[in-house]
């Protein structure tokens, strides 16, 4: 599946902001919430909040709409709803605890041939 332009912009913003372990998950056939989910980690609550601020400000400058941002005050887990792309930003410990990567990547994304 080819990534959409919004997804590419968000990945670049996260890379430029030194986010860690960036994972982009296509949601087609799994959810009608969005086309993609991006999960990334920041090194601290301050870094997570800064990443969410960078995403929202840079996307707005490019005329993309941000529907909602939640969790910025706490900074452990911030959700940015950019419409076609949902972004989850975590501190590493919080990401490990909730393990959204595993929930959304398995089992549909596993290649059956790899297990034979």
PDB file of N, CA and C in Angstrom:
ATOM      1  N   UNK A   1       0.837  -1.179   0.000  1.00  0.00           N
ATOM      2  CA  UNK A   1       0.000   0.000   0.000  1.00  0.00           C
ATOM      3  C   UNK A   1       0.884   1.245   0.000  1.00  0.00           C
ATOM      4  N   UNK A   2       0.591   2.165  -0.893  1.00  0.00           N
ATOM      5  CA  UNK A   2       1.372   3.403  -0.978  1.00  0.00           C
ATOM      6  C   UNK A   2       0.936   4.363   0.129  1.00  0.00           C
ATOM      7  N   UNK A   3       1.907   4.927   0.792  1.00  0.00           N
ATOM      8  CA  UNK A   3       1.614   5.875   1.864  1.00  0.00           C
ATOM      9  C   UNK A   3       1.067   7.168   1.283  1.00  0.00           C
ATOM     10  N   UNK A   4       0.209   7.819   2.062  1.00  0.00           N
ATOM     11  CA  UNK A   4      -0.308   9.102   1.585  1.00  0.00           C
ATOM     12  C   UNK A   4       0.633  10.238   1.971  1.00  0.00           C
ATOM     13  N   UNK A   5       0.419  11.372   1.373  1.00  0.00           N
ATOM     14  CA  UNK A   5       1.279  12.539   1.558  1.00  0.00           C
ATOM     15  C   UNK A   5       1.331  12.994   3.015  1.00  0.00           C
ATOM     16  N   UNK A   6       0.185  13.000   3.696  1.00  0.00           N
ATOM     17  CA  UNK A   6       0.125  13.414   5.097  1.00  0.00           C
ATOM     18  C   UNK A   6       1.000  12.514   5.958  1.00  0.00           C
ATOM     19  N   UNK A   7       0.914  11.223   5.726  1.00  0.00           N
ATOM     20  CA  UNK A   7       1.727  10.253   6.467  1.00  0.00           C
ATOM     21  C   UNK A   7       3.217  10.546   6.277  1.00  0.00           C
ATOM     22  N   UNK A   8       3.611  10.811   5.049  1.00  0.00           N
ATOM     23  CA  UNK A   8       5.019  11.120   4.754  1.00  0.00           C
ATOM     24  C   UNK A   8       5.477  12.391   5.477  1.00  0.00           C
ATOM     25  N   UNK A   9       4.624  13.418   5.480  1.00  0.00           N
ATOM     26  CA  UNK A   9       4.968  14.671   6.169  1.00  0.00           C
ATOM     27  C   UNK A   9       5.164  14.438   7.664  1.00  0.00           C
ATOM     28  N   UNK A  10       4.271  13.664   8.262  1.00  0.00           N
ATOM     29  CA  UNK A  10       4.369  13.407   9.703  1.00  0.00           C
ATOM     30  C   UNK A  10       5.631  12.612  10.019  1.00  0.00           C
ATOM     31  N   UNK A  11       5.935  11.605   9.223  1.00  0.00           N
ATOM     32  CA  UNK A  11       7.162  10.829   9.446  1.00  0.00           C
ATOM     33  C   UNK A  11       8.393  11.725   9.367  1.00  0.00           C
ATOM     34  N   UNK A  12       8.410  12.652   8.406  1.00  0.00           N
ATOM     35  CA  UNK A  12       9.555  13.562   8.279  1.00  0.00           C
ATOM     36  C   UNK A  12       9.663  14.475   9.502  1.00  0.00           C
ATOM     37  N   UNK A  13       8.536  15.000   9.959  1.00  0.00           N
ATOM     38  CA  UNK A  13       8.539  15.861  11.149  1.00  0.00           C
ATOM     39  C   UNK A  13       9.078  15.087  12.349  1.00  0.00           C
ATOM     40  N   UNK A  14       8.648  13.846  12.503  1.00  0.00           N
ATOM     41  CA  UNK A  14       9.119  13.024  13.626  1.00  0.00           C
ATOM     42  C   UNK A  14      10.609  12.722  13.506  1.00  0.00           C
ATOM     43  N   UNK A  15      11.060  12.401  12.305  1.00  0.00           N
ATOM     44  CA  UNK A  15      12.497  12.158  12.104  1.00  0.00           C
ATOM     45  C   UNK A  15      13.310  13.413  12.404  1.00  0.00           C
ATOM     46  N   UNK A  16      12.854  14.548  11.903  1.00  0.00           N
ATOM     47  CA  UNK A  16      13.557  15.813  12.158  1.00  0.00           C
ATOM     48  C   UNK A  16      13.582  16.157  13.644  1.00  0.00           C
ATOM     49  N   UNK A  17      12.535  15.753  14.369  1.00  0.00           N
ATOM     50  CA  UNK A  17      12.442  16.022  15.800  1.00  0.00           C
ATOM     51  C   UNK A  17      13.118  14.974  16.663  1.00  0.00           C
ATOM     52  N   UNK A  18      13.829  14.046  16.035  1.00  0.00           N
ATOM     53  CA  UNK A  18      14.585  13.001  16.745  1.00  0.00           C
ATOM     54  C   UNK A  18      13.690  12.031  17.524  1.00  0.00           C
ATOM     55  N   UNK A  19      12.479  11.775  17.005  1.00  0.00           N
ATOM     56  CA  UNK A  19      11.624  10.748  17.605  1.00  0.00           C
ATOM     57  C   UNK A  19      12.296   9.391  17.406  1.00  0.00           C
ATOM     58  N   UNK A  20      11.995   8.465  18.287  1.00  0.00           N
ATOM     59  CA  UNK A  20      12.606   7.140  18.234  1.00  0.00           C
ATOM     60  C   UNK A  20      11.562   6.088  17.879  1.00  0.00           C
ATOM     61  N   UNK A  21      12.028   5.004  17.267  1.00  0.00           N
ATOM     62  CA  UNK A  21      11.187   3.832  16.964  1.00  0.00           C
ATOM     63  C   UNK A  21       9.871   4.217  16.290  1.00  0.00           C
ATOM     64  N   UNK A  22       9.975   4.904  15.179  1.00  0.00           N
ATOM     65  CA  UNK A  22       8.789   5.348  14.438  1.00  0.00           C
ATOM     66  C   UNK A  22       8.234   4.172  13.643  1.00  0.00           C
ATOM     67  N   UNK A  23       6.952   3.879  13.867  1.00  0.00           N
ATOM     68  CA  UNK A  23       6.285   2.784  13.167  1.00  0.00           C
ATOM     69  C   UNK A  23       5.032   3.343  12.510  1.00  0.00           C
ATOM     70  N   UNK A  24       4.875   3.087  11.211  1.00  0.00           N
ATOM     71  CA  UNK A  24       3.683   3.497  10.481  1.00  0.00           C
ATOM     72  C   UNK A  24       2.883   2.246  10.145  1.00  0.00           C
ATOM     73  N   UNK A  25       1.629   2.209  10.582  1.00  0.00           N
ATOM     74  CA  UNK A  25       0.790   1.023  10.423  1.00  0.00           C
ATOM     75  C   UNK A  25      -0.389   1.362   9.514  1.00  0.00           C
ATOM     76  N   UNK A  26      -0.504   0.686   8.359  1.00  0.00           N
ATOM     77  CA  UNK A  26      -1.682   0.896   7.513  1.00  0.00           C
ATOM     78  C   UNK A  26      -2.910   0.294   8.201  1.00  0.00           C
ATOM     79  N   UNK A  27      -4.003   1.033   8.216  1.00  0.00           N
ATOM     80  CA  UNK A  27      -5.205   0.579   8.913  1.00  0.00           C
ATOM     81  C   UNK A  27      -6.303   0.088   7.976  1.00  0.00           C
ATOM     82  N   UNK A  28      -6.036   0.087   6.692  1.00  0.00           N
ATOM     83  CA  UNK A  28      -7.045  -0.361   5.732  1.00  0.00           C
ATOM     84  C   UNK A  28      -7.469  -1.791   6.069  1.00  0.00           C
ATOM     85  N   UNK A  29      -8.763  -1.995   6.195  1.00  0.00           N
ATOM     86  CA  UNK A  29      -9.294  -3.309   6.520  1.00  0.00           C
ATOM     87  C   UNK A  29      -9.281  -3.630   8.008  1.00  0.00           C
ATOM     88  N   UNK A  30      -8.686  -2.758   8.818  1.00  0.00           N
ATOM     89  CA  UNK A  30      -8.627  -2.973  10.266  1.00  0.00           C
ATOM     90  C   UNK A  30      -9.498  -1.984  11.021  1.00  0.00           C
ATOM     91  N   UNK A  31      -9.571  -0.762  10.509  1.00  0.00           N
ATOM     92  CA  UNK A  31     -10.293   0.294  11.209  1.00  0.00           C
ATOM     93  C   UNK A  31     -10.733   1.360  10.221  1.00  0.00           C
ATOM     94  N   UNK A  32     -11.865   1.964  10.524  1.00  0.00           N
ATOM     95  CA  UNK A  32     -12.338   3.074   9.692  1.00  0.00           C
ATOM     96  C   UNK A  32     -11.961   4.427  10.304  1.00  0.00           C
ATOM     97  N   UNK A  33     -11.204   4.399  11.399  1.00  0.00           N
ATOM     98  CA  UNK A  33     -10.801   5.635  12.073  1.00  0.00           C
ATOM     99  C   UNK A  33      -9.877   6.491  11.226  1.00  0.00           C
ATOM    100  N   UNK A  34      -8.948   5.843  10.529  1.00  0.00           N
ATOM    101  CA  UNK A  34      -7.929   6.570   9.766  1.00  0.00           C
ATOM    102  C   UNK A  34      -7.322   5.621   8.742  1.00  0.00           C
ATOM    103  N   UNK A  35      -6.511   6.178   7.849  1.00  0.00           N
ATOM    104  CA  UNK A  35      -5.800   5.355   6.871  1.00  0.00           C
ATOM    105  C   UNK A  35      -4.515   4.782   7.454  1.00  0.00           C
ATOM    106  N   UNK A  36      -3.885   5.553   8.345  1.00  0.00           N
ATOM    107  CA  UNK A  36      -2.622   5.130   8.962  1.00  0.00           C
ATOM    108  C   UNK A  36      -2.601   5.500  10.432  1.00  0.00           C
ATOM    109  N   UNK A  37      -1.830   4.732  11.178  1.00  0.00           N
ATOM    110  CA  UNK A  37      -1.508   5.065  12.559  1.00  0.00           C
ATOM    111  C   UNK A  37       0.006   5.115  12.643  1.00  0.00           C
ATOM    112  N   UNK A  38       0.518   6.180  13.217  1.00  0.00           N
ATOM    113  CA  UNK A  38       1.960   6.284  13.434  1.00  0.00           C
ATOM    114  C   UNK A  38       2.192   6.253  14.933  1.00  0.00           C
ATOM    115  N   UNK A  39       3.122   5.403  15.349  1.00  0.00           N
ATOM    116  CA  UNK A  39       3.497   5.303  16.756  1.00  0.00           C
ATOM    117  C   UNK A  39       4.975   5.653  16.848  1.00  0.00           C
ATOM    118  N   UNK A  40       5.314   6.531  17.794  1.00  0.00           N
ATOM    119  CA  UNK A  40       6.710   6.934  17.968  1.00  0.00           C
ATOM    120  C   UNK A  40       6.967   7.230  19.438  1.00  0.00           C
ATOM    121  N   UNK A  41       8.236   7.222  19.799  1.00  0.00           N
ATOM    122  CA  UNK A  41       8.631   7.502  21.181  1.00  0.00           C
ATOM    123  C   UNK A  41       9.462   8.769  21.254  1.00  0.00           C
ATOM    124  N   UNK A  42       9.277   9.480  22.364  1.00  0.00           N
ATOM    125  CA  UNK A  42      10.138  10.594  22.725  1.00  0.00           C
ATOM    126  C   UNK A  42      10.944  10.173  23.940  1.00  0.00           C
ATOM    127  N   UNK A  43      12.027  10.842  24.202  1.00  0.00           N
ATOM    128  CA  UNK A  43      12.923  10.429  25.287  1.00  0.00           C
ATOM    129  C   UNK A  43      12.441  10.873  26.664  1.00  0.00           C
ATOM    130  N   UNK A  44      11.512  11.833  26.715  1.00  0.00           N
ATOM    131  CA  UNK A  44      11.008  12.359  27.985  1.00  0.00           C
ATOM    132  C   UNK A  44       9.630  12.965  27.743  1.00  0.00           C
ATOM    133  N   UNK A  45       8.953  13.341  28.823  1.00  0.00           N
ATOM    134  CA  UNK A  45       7.645  13.987  28.661  1.00  0.00           C
ATOM    135  C   UNK A  45       7.783  15.291  27.874  1.00  0.00           C
ATOM    136  N   UNK A  46       8.854  15.991  28.120  1.00  0.00           N
ATOM    137  CA  UNK A  46       9.101  17.250  27.404  1.00  0.00           C
ATOM    138  C   UNK A  46       9.313  17.004  25.903  1.00  0.00           C
ATOM    139  N   UNK A  47      10.057  15.951  25.570  1.00  0.00           N
ATOM    140  CA  UNK A  47      10.304  15.611  24.172  1.00  0.00           C
ATOM    141  C   UNK A  47       9.006  15.190  23.487  1.00  0.00           C
ATOM    142  N   UNK A  48       8.192  14.376  24.165  1.00  0.00           N
ATOM    143  CA  UNK A  48       6.911  13.936  23.604  1.00  0.00           C
ATOM    144  C   UNK A  48       6.017  15.146  23.322  1.00  0.00           C
ATOM    145  N   UNK A  49       5.922  16.058  24.271  1.00  0.00           N
ATOM    146  CA  UNK A  49       5.108  17.268  24.074  1.00  0.00           C
ATOM    147  C   UNK A  49       5.652  18.133  22.940  1.00  0.00           C
ATOM    148  N   UNK A  50       6.971  18.251  22.861  1.00  0.00           N
ATOM    149  CA  UNK A  50       7.590  19.040  21.787  1.00  0.00           C
ATOM    150  C   UNK A  50       7.304  18.421  20.422  1.00  0.00           C
ATOM    151  N   UNK A  51       7.365  17.096  20.327  1.00  0.00           N
ATOM    152  CA  UNK A  51       7.057  16.419  19.065  1.00  0.00           C
ATOM    153  C   UNK A  51       5.620  16.700  18.636  1.00  0.00           C
ATOM    154  N   UNK A  52       4.685  16.634  19.580  1.00  0.00           N
ATOM    155  CA  UNK A  52       3.284  16.896  19.229  1.00  0.00           C
ATOM    156  C   UNK A  52       3.101  18.351  18.793  1.00  0.00           C
ATOM    157  N   UNK A  53       3.786  19.272  19.452  1.00  0.00           N
ATOM    158  CA  UNK A  53       3.720  20.682  19.043  1.00  0.00           C
ATOM    159  C   UNK A  53       4.281  20.884  17.644  1.00  0.00           C
ATOM    160  N   UNK A  54       5.393  20.199  17.338  1.00  0.00           N
ATOM    161  CA  UNK A  54       5.986  20.307  16.002  1.00  0.00           C
ATOM    162  C   UNK A  54       5.030  19.778  14.941  1.00  0.00           C
ATOM    163  N   UNK A  55       4.408  18.632  15.221  1.00  0.00           N
ATOM    164  CA  UNK A  55       3.466  18.053  14.256  1.00  0.00           C
ATOM    165  C   UNK A  55       2.317  19.022  13.999  1.00  0.00           C
ATOM    166  N   UNK A  56       1.688  19.494  15.064  1.00  0.00           N
ATOM    167  CA  UNK A  56       0.516  20.359  14.878  1.00  0.00           C
ATOM    168  C   UNK A  56       0.878  21.678  14.194  1.00  0.00           C
ATOM    169  N   UNK A  57       1.956  22.310  14.607  1.00  0.00           N
ATOM    170  CA  UNK A  57       2.296  23.608  14.004  1.00  0.00           C
ATOM    171  C   UNK A  57       2.739  23.464  12.552  1.00  0.00           C
ATOM    172  N   UNK A  58       3.559  22.470  12.248  1.00  0.00           N
ATOM    173  CA  UNK A  58       4.046  22.315  10.867  1.00  0.00           C
ATOM    174  C   UNK A  58       2.936  21.869   9.921  1.00  0.00           C
ATOM    175  N   UNK A  59       2.049  20.979  10.387  1.00  0.00           N
ATOM    176  CA  UNK A  59       0.946  20.558   9.518  1.00  0.00           C
ATOM    177  C   UNK A  59      -0.022  21.708   9.259  1.00  0.00           C
ATOM    178  N   UNK A  60      -0.273  22.524  10.270  1.00  0.00           N
ATOM    179  CA  UNK A  60      -1.147  23.688  10.073  1.00  0.00           C
ATOM    180  C   UNK A  60      -0.535  24.660   9.069  1.00  0.00           C
ATOM    181  N   UNK A  61       0.793  24.825   9.112  1.00  0.00           N
ATOM    182  CA  UNK A  61       1.470  25.697   8.143  1.00  0.00           C
ATOM    183  C   UNK A  61       1.340  25.153   6.723  1.00  0.00           C
ATOM    184  N   UNK A  62       1.178  23.824   6.584  1.00  0.00           N
ATOM    185  CA  UNK A  62       1.014  23.197   5.272  1.00  0.00           C
ATOM    186  C   UNK A  62      -0.462  23.040   4.909  1.00  0.00           C
ATOM    187  N   UNK A  63      -1.344  23.684   5.674  1.00  0.00           N
ATOM    188  CA  UNK A  63      -2.796  23.667   5.442  1.00  0.00           C
ATOM    189  C   UNK A  63      -3.452  22.309   5.672  1.00  0.00           C
ATOM    190  N   UNK A  64      -2.866  21.476   6.525  1.00  0.00           N
ATOM    191  CA  UNK A  64      -3.536  20.255   6.961  1.00  0.00           C
ATOM    192  C   UNK A  64      -4.321  20.587   8.224  1.00  0.00           C
ATOM    193  N   UNK A  65      -5.437  19.907   8.415  1.00  0.00           N
ATOM    194  CA  UNK A  65      -6.283  20.148   9.586  1.00  0.00           C
ATOM    195  C   UNK A  65      -5.914  19.174  10.703  1.00  0.00           C
ATOM    196  N   UNK A  66      -5.798  19.698  11.912  1.00  0.00           N
ATOM    197  CA  UNK A  66      -5.615  18.875  13.109  1.00  0.00           C
ATOM    198  C   UNK A  66      -6.965  18.851  13.816  1.00  0.00           C
ATOM    199  N   UNK A  67      -7.534  17.658  13.970  1.00  0.00           N
ATOM    200  CA  UNK A  67      -8.863  17.541  14.561  1.00  0.00           C
ATOM    201  C   UNK A  67      -8.825  17.561  16.084  1.00  0.00           C
ATOM    202  N   UNK A  68      -7.784  16.976  16.657  1.00  0.00           N
ATOM    203  CA  UNK A  68      -7.706  16.908  18.111  1.00  0.00           C
ATOM    204  C   UNK A  68      -6.285  16.565  18.538  1.00  0.00           C
ATOM    205  N   UNK A  69      -5.901  17.087  19.684  1.00  0.00           N
ATOM    206  CA  UNK A  69      -4.643  16.707  20.328  1.00  0.00           C
ATOM    207  C   UNK A  69      -4.969  16.472  21.794  1.00  0.00           C
ATOM    208  N   UNK A  70      -4.580  15.315  22.306  1.00  0.00           N
ATOM    209  CA  UNK A  70      -4.893  14.973  23.693  1.00  0.00           C
ATOM    210  C   UNK A  70      -3.651  14.467  24.410  1.00  0.00           C
ATOM    211  N   UNK A  71      -3.533  14.817  25.683  1.00  0.00           N
ATOM    212  CA  UNK A  71      -2.451  14.306  26.516  1.00  0.00           C
ATOM    213  C   UNK A  71      -1.220  15.182  26.584  1.00  0.00           C
ATOM    214  N   UNK A  72      -1.239  16.350  25.968  1.00  0.00           N
ATOM    215  CA  UNK A  72      -0.049  17.207  25.941  1.00  0.00           C
ATOM    216  C   UNK A  72       0.360  17.688  27.321  1.00  0.00           C
ATOM    217  N   UNK A  73      -0.602  17.930  28.165  1.00  0.00           N
ATOM    218  CA  UNK A  73      -0.285  18.445  29.496  1.00  0.00           C
ATOM    219  C   UNK A  73       0.538  17.439  30.298  1.00  0.00           C
ATOM    220  N   UNK A  74       0.175  16.154  30.204  1.00  0.00           N
ATOM    221  CA  UNK A  74       0.888  15.105  30.933  1.00  0.00           C
ATOM    222  C   UNK A  74       2.187  14.729  30.227  1.00  0.00           C
ATOM    223  N   UNK A  75       2.119  14.508  28.902  1.00  0.00           N
ATOM    224  CA  UNK A  75       3.316  14.207  28.123  1.00  0.00           C
ATOM    225  C   UNK A  75       3.770  12.765  28.131  1.00  0.00           C
ATOM    226  N   UNK A  76       3.029  11.875  28.802  1.00  0.00           N
ATOM    227  CA  UNK A  76       3.384  10.452  28.772  1.00  0.00           C
ATOM    228  C   UNK A  76       2.921   9.797  27.478  1.00  0.00           C
ATOM    229  N   UNK A  77       1.698  10.153  27.061  1.00  0.00           N
ATOM    230  CA  UNK A  77       1.098   9.607  25.849  1.00  0.00           C
ATOM    231  C   UNK A  77       0.294  10.730  25.222  1.00  0.00           C
ATOM    232  N   UNK A  78       0.706  11.179  24.055  1.00  0.00           N
ATOM    233  CA  UNK A  78      -0.011  12.242  23.350  1.00  0.00           C
ATOM    234  C   UNK A  78      -0.581  11.667  22.066  1.00  0.00           C
ATOM    235  N   UNK A  79      -1.852  11.954  21.826  1.00  0.00           N
ATOM    236  CA  UNK A  79      -2.517  11.521  20.610  1.00  0.00           C
ATOM    237  C   UNK A  79      -2.794  12.748  19.756  1.00  0.00           C
ATOM    238  N   UNK A  80      -2.393  12.680  18.488  1.00  0.00           N
ATOM    239  CA  UNK A  80      -2.672  13.749  17.532  1.00  0.00           C
ATOM    240  C   UNK A  80      -3.545  13.152  16.437  1.00  0.00           C
ATOM    241  N   UNK A  81      -4.755  13.676  16.300  1.00  0.00           N
ATOM    242  CA  UNK A  81      -5.682  13.217  15.270  1.00  0.00           C
ATOM    243  C   UNK A  81      -5.588  14.178  14.094  1.00  0.00           C
ATOM    244  N   UNK A  82      -4.933  13.719  13.037  1.00  0.00           N
ATOM    245  CA  UNK A  82      -4.779  14.535  11.833  1.00  0.00           C
ATOM    246  C   UNK A  82      -5.712  14.046  10.727  1.00  0.00           C
ATOM    247  N   UNK A  83      -6.811  13.416  11.112  1.00  0.00           N
ATOM    248  CA  UNK A  83      -7.785  12.950  10.130  1.00  0.00           C
ATOM    249  C   UNK A  83      -7.408  11.601   9.564  1.00  0.00           C
ATOM    250  N   UNK A  84      -6.736  11.591   8.429  1.00  0.00           N
ATOM    251  CA  UNK A  84      -6.350  10.334   7.786  1.00  0.00           C
ATOM    252  C   UNK A  84      -5.221   9.617   8.508  1.00  0.00           C
ATOM    253  N   UNK A  85      -4.546  10.317   9.408  1.00  0.00           N
ATOM    254  CA  UNK A  85      -3.436   9.726  10.164  1.00  0.00           C
ATOM    255  C   UNK A  85      -3.626  10.042  11.648  1.00  0.00           C
ATOM    256  N   UNK A  86      -3.570   8.996  12.462  1.00  0.00           N
ATOM    257  CA  UNK A  86      -3.606   9.138  13.919  1.00  0.00           C
ATOM    258  C   UNK A  86      -2.180   8.920  14.415  1.00  0.00           C
ATOM    259  N   UNK A  87      -1.681   9.830  15.246  1.00  0.00           N
ATOM    260  CA  UNK A  87      -0.309   9.736  15.751  1.00  0.00           C
ATOM    261  C   UNK A  87      -0.346   9.519  17.261  1.00  0.00           C
ATOM    262  N   UNK A  88       0.345   8.472  17.713  1.00  0.00           N
ATOM    263  CA  UNK A  88       0.512   8.202  19.139  1.00  0.00           C
ATOM    264  C   UNK A  88       1.973   8.447  19.482  1.00  0.00           C
ATOM    265  N   UNK A  89       2.214   9.345  20.425  1.00  0.00           N
ATOM    266  CA  UNK A  89       3.571   9.650  20.879  1.00  0.00           C
ATOM    267  C   UNK A  89       3.678   9.240  22.345  1.00  0.00           C
ATOM    268  N   UNK A  90       4.696   8.454  22.660  1.00  0.00           N
ATOM    269  CA  UNK A  90       4.844   7.901  24.001  1.00  0.00           C
ATOM    270  C   UNK A  90       6.229   8.160  24.574  1.00  0.00           C
ATOM    271  N   UNK A  91       6.307   8.168  25.902  1.00  0.00           N
ATOM    272  CA  UNK A  91       7.587   7.925  26.555  1.00  0.00           C
ATOM    273  C   UNK A  91       7.827   6.426  26.404  1.00  0.00           C
ATOM    274  N   UNK A  92       9.077   5.966  26.297  1.00  0.00           N
ATOM    275  CA  UNK A  92       9.347   4.545  26.032  1.00  0.00           C
ATOM    276  C   UNK A  92       8.674   3.584  27.017  1.00  0.00           C
ATOM    277  N   UNK A  93       8.666   3.924  28.309  1.00  0.00           N
ATOM    278  CA  UNK A  93       8.084   3.027  29.309  1.00  0.00           C
ATOM    279  C   UNK A  93       6.576   2.896  29.120  1.00  0.00           C
ATOM    280  N   UNK A  94       5.935   3.986  28.772  1.00  0.00           N
ATOM    281  CA  UNK A  94       4.486   3.986  28.572  1.00  0.00           C
ATOM    282  C   UNK A  94       4.143   3.223  27.297  1.00  0.00           C
ATOM    283  N   UNK A  95       4.954   3.410  26.270  1.00  0.00           N
ATOM    284  CA  UNK A  95       4.733   2.680  25.014  1.00  0.00           C
ATOM    285  C   UNK A  95       4.853   1.180  25.243  1.00  0.00           C
ATOM    286  N   UNK A  96       5.836   0.776  25.995  1.00  0.00           N
ATOM    287  CA  UNK A  96       6.021  -0.646  26.285  1.00  0.00           C
ATOM    288  C   UNK A  96       4.831  -1.196  27.074  1.00  0.00           C
ATOM    289  N   UNK A  97       4.311  -0.418  28.011  1.00  0.00           N
ATOM    290  CA  UNK A  97       3.192  -0.858  28.838  1.00  0.00           C
ATOM    291  C   UNK A  97       1.932  -1.085  27.997  1.00  0.00           C
ATOM    292  N   UNK A  98       1.574  -0.114  27.151  1.00  0.00           N
ATOM    293  CA  UNK A  98       0.346  -0.225  26.362  1.00  0.00           C
ATOM    294  C   UNK A  98       0.513  -1.101  25.128  1.00  0.00           C
ATOM    295  N   UNK A  99       1.705  -1.165  24.580  1.00  0.00           N
ATOM    296  CA  UNK A  99       2.055  -2.070  23.486  1.00  0.00           C
ATOM    297  C   UNK A  99       1.089  -1.995  22.296  1.00  0.00           C
ATOM    298  N   UNK A 100       0.762  -0.780  21.871  1.00  0.00           N
ATOM    299  CA  UNK A 100      -0.121  -0.612  20.716  1.00  0.00           C
ATOM    300  C   UNK A 100       0.469  -1.218  19.450  1.00  0.00           C
ATOM    301  N   UNK A 101       1.788  -1.187  19.336  1.00  0.00           N
ATOM    302  CA  UNK A 101       2.447  -1.761  18.149  1.00  0.00           C
ATOM    303  C   UNK A 101       1.992  -3.206  17.960  1.00  0.00           C
ATOM    304  N   UNK A 102       2.089  -3.981  19.015  1.00  0.00           N
ATOM    305  CA  UNK A 102       1.739  -5.407  18.943  1.00  0.00           C
ATOM    306  C   UNK A 102       0.244  -5.583  18.671  1.00  0.00           C
ATOM    307  N   UNK A 103      -0.575  -4.751  19.301  1.00  0.00           N
ATOM    308  CA  UNK A 103      -2.019  -4.867  19.137  1.00  0.00           C
ATOM    309  C   UNK A 103      -2.441  -4.637  17.686  1.00  0.00           C
ATOM    310  N   UNK A 104      -1.837  -3.638  17.035  1.00  0.00           N
ATOM    311  CA  UNK A 104      -2.254  -3.291  15.685  1.00  0.00           C
ATOM    312  C   UNK A 104      -1.480  -4.022  14.595  1.00  0.00           C
ATOM    313  N   UNK A 105      -0.291  -4.510  14.891  1.00  0.00           N
ATOM    314  CA  UNK A 105       0.493  -5.213  13.871  1.00  0.00           C
ATOM    315  C   UNK A 105       0.191  -6.700  13.816  1.00  0.00           C
ATOM    316  N   UNK A 106      -0.291  -7.271  14.881  1.00  0.00           N
ATOM    317  CA  UNK A 106      -0.522  -8.715  14.912  1.00  0.00           C
ATOM    318  C   UNK A 106      -2.014  -8.995  14.960  1.00  0.00           C
ATOM    319  N   UNK A 107      -2.492 -10.101  14.455  1.00  0.00           N
ATOM    320  CA  UNK A 107      -1.798 -11.082  13.635  1.00  0.00           C
ATOM    321  C   UNK A 107      -1.926 -10.805  12.146  1.00  0.00           C
ATOM    322  N   UNK A 108      -2.744  -9.826  11.752  1.00  0.00           N
ATOM    323  CA  UNK A 108      -3.024  -9.592  10.334  1.00  0.00           C
ATOM    324  C   UNK A 108      -1.800  -9.234   9.510  1.00  0.00           C
ATOM    325  N   UNK A 109      -0.800  -8.599  10.103  1.00  0.00           N
ATOM    326  CA  UNK A 109       0.370  -8.168   9.347  1.00  0.00           C
ATOM    327  C   UNK A 109       1.479  -9.203   9.313  1.00  0.00           C
ATOM    328  N   UNK A 110       1.293 -10.312  10.005  1.00  0.00           N
ATOM    329  CA  UNK A 110       2.307 -11.353   9.976  1.00  0.00           C
ATOM    330  C   UNK A 110       2.223 -12.097   8.661  1.00  0.00           C
ATOM    331  N   UNK A 111       3.351 -12.397   8.090  1.00  0.00           N
ATOM    332  CA  UNK A 111       3.408 -13.148   6.849  1.00  0.00           C
ATOM    333  C   UNK A 111       3.312 -14.629   7.186  1.00  0.00           C
ATOM    334  N   UNK A 112       2.255 -15.286   6.726  1.00  0.00           N
ATOM    335  CA  UNK A 112       2.034 -16.700   7.049  1.00  0.00           C
ATOM    336  C   UNK A 112       3.182 -17.558   6.543  1.00  0.00           C
ATOM    337  N   UNK A 113       3.742 -17.234   5.387  1.00  0.00           N
ATOM    338  CA  UNK A 113       4.838 -18.027   4.824  1.00  0.00           C
ATOM    339  C   UNK A 113       6.065 -18.015   5.727  1.00  0.00           C
ATOM    340  N   UNK A 114       6.250 -16.957   6.510  1.00  0.00           N
ATOM    341  CA  UNK A 114       7.395 -16.892   7.421  1.00  0.00           C
ATOM    342  C   UNK A 114       7.288 -17.919   8.538  1.00  0.00           C
ATOM    343  N   UNK A 115       6.077 -18.379   8.825  1.00  0.00           N
ATOM    344  CA  UNK A 115       5.860 -19.312   9.924  1.00  0.00           C
ATOM    345  C   UNK A 115       5.807 -20.764   9.477  1.00  0.00           C
ATOM    346  N   UNK A 116       5.972 -21.024   8.198  1.00  0.00           N
ATOM    347  CA  UNK A 116       5.904 -22.405   7.687  1.00  0.00           C
ATOM    348  C   UNK A 116       7.284 -23.009   7.630  1.00  0.00           C
TER     349      UNK A 116
END
